[in-house]
Protein backbone atom coordinates (compact mmCIF):
# COMPACT_ATOMS: atom_id res chain seq x y z
CA UNK A 1 10.28 5.86 -6.57
CA UNK A 2 10.73 4.17 -9.89
CA UNK A 3 9.37 0.68 -10.33
CA UNK A 4 12.60 -0.64 -11.90
CA UNK A 5 14.70 0.17 -8.82
CA UNK A 6 12.24 -1.16 -6.23
CA UNK A 7 14.34 -4.32 -5.71
CA UNK A 8 17.32 -2.23 -4.60
CA UNK A 9 15.39 -0.56 -1.76
CA UNK A 10 15.90 -2.17 1.67
CA UNK A 11 12.87 -3.80 3.33
CA UNK A 12 13.07 -1.33 6.21
CA UNK A 13 12.59 1.57 3.78
CA UNK A 14 9.69 -0.20 2.05
CA UNK A 15 8.02 -0.69 5.46
CA UNK A 16 8.58 2.96 6.39
CA UNK A 17 7.23 4.27 3.09
CA UNK A 18 4.28 1.88 3.19
CA UNK A 19 3.38 2.97 6.70
CA UNK A 20 3.60 6.63 5.67
CA UNK A 21 1.25 6.03 2.72
CA UNK A 22 -1.24 4.19 4.91
CA UNK A 23 -1.17 6.93 7.55
CA UNK A 24 -1.62 9.64 4.91
CA UNK A 25 -4.55 7.79 3.35
CA UNK A 26 -6.25 6.32 6.44
CA UNK A 27 -5.07 8.51 9.29
CA UNK A 28 -3.46 7.08 12.40
CA UNK A 29 -6.56 5.25 13.64
CA UNK A 30 -7.17 3.65 10.23
CA UNK A 31 -3.52 2.68 10.03
CA UNK A 32 -3.66 1.01 13.44
CA UNK A 33 -6.86 -0.84 12.53
CA UNK A 34 -5.27 -2.05 9.28
CA UNK A 35 -2.11 -3.23 11.02
CA UNK A 36 -4.06 -5.03 13.74
CA UNK A 37 -5.78 -7.17 11.11
CA UNK A 38 -2.42 -8.75 10.29
CA UNK A 39 -0.68 -8.53 13.67
CA UNK A 40 -1.40 -12.06 14.83
CA UNK A 41 -2.03 -13.71 11.52
CA UNK A 42 -5.61 -12.49 11.57
CA UNK A 43 -7.14 -11.42 8.34
CA UNK A 44 -6.10 -12.58 4.96
CA UNK A 45 -4.42 -9.98 2.78
CA UNK A 46 -5.20 -11.97 -0.35
CA UNK A 47 -8.93 -11.69 0.40
CA UNK A 48 -8.57 -8.01 1.29
CA UNK A 49 -6.59 -7.46 -1.90
CA UNK A 50 -9.27 -9.21 -3.98
CA UNK A 51 -11.91 -6.89 -2.55
CA UNK A 52 -9.86 -3.70 -2.95
CA UNK A 53 -8.88 -4.37 -6.55
CA UNK A 54 -12.04 -6.21 -7.65
CA UNK A 55 -12.66 -5.78 -11.36
CA UNK A 56 -9.43 -3.83 -11.98
CA UNK A 57 -6.71 -4.86 -14.38
CA UNK A 58 -3.05 -4.75 -13.37
CA UNK A 59 -2.66 -1.80 -15.74
CA UNK A 60 -5.47 0.12 -13.97
CA UNK A 61 -3.99 -0.62 -10.56
CA UNK A 62 -0.56 0.53 -11.72
CA UNK A 63 -1.92 3.69 -13.36
CA UNK A 64 -3.94 4.56 -10.24
CA UNK A 65 -0.91 3.96 -8.02
CA UNK A 66 1.31 6.16 -10.18
CA UNK A 67 -1.33 8.91 -10.31
CA UNK A 68 -1.71 8.77 -6.54
CA UNK A 69 2.07 8.88 -6.10
CA UNK A 70 2.49 11.84 -8.46
CA UNK A 71 -0.46 13.74 -6.95
CA UNK A 72 0.89 13.34 -3.41
CA UNK A 73 4.53 14.26 -3.87
CA UNK A 74 5.50 17.06 -1.50
């Protein structure tokens, strides 16, 4: 998936792909735990995001995401 065509992808496809990535990375139990944090407005993704990407530049995050994507293509 190229970053410049991300806006043309329907939300349903983004959700499906995101879920697949989470399941691949966390397993089904981890995926369920992650989703439950946001199910009823619990949790705060901005705080979670701050912790996950703490000390990383946008460039580092992007490079890591692209490396992960390329390494996990089937």
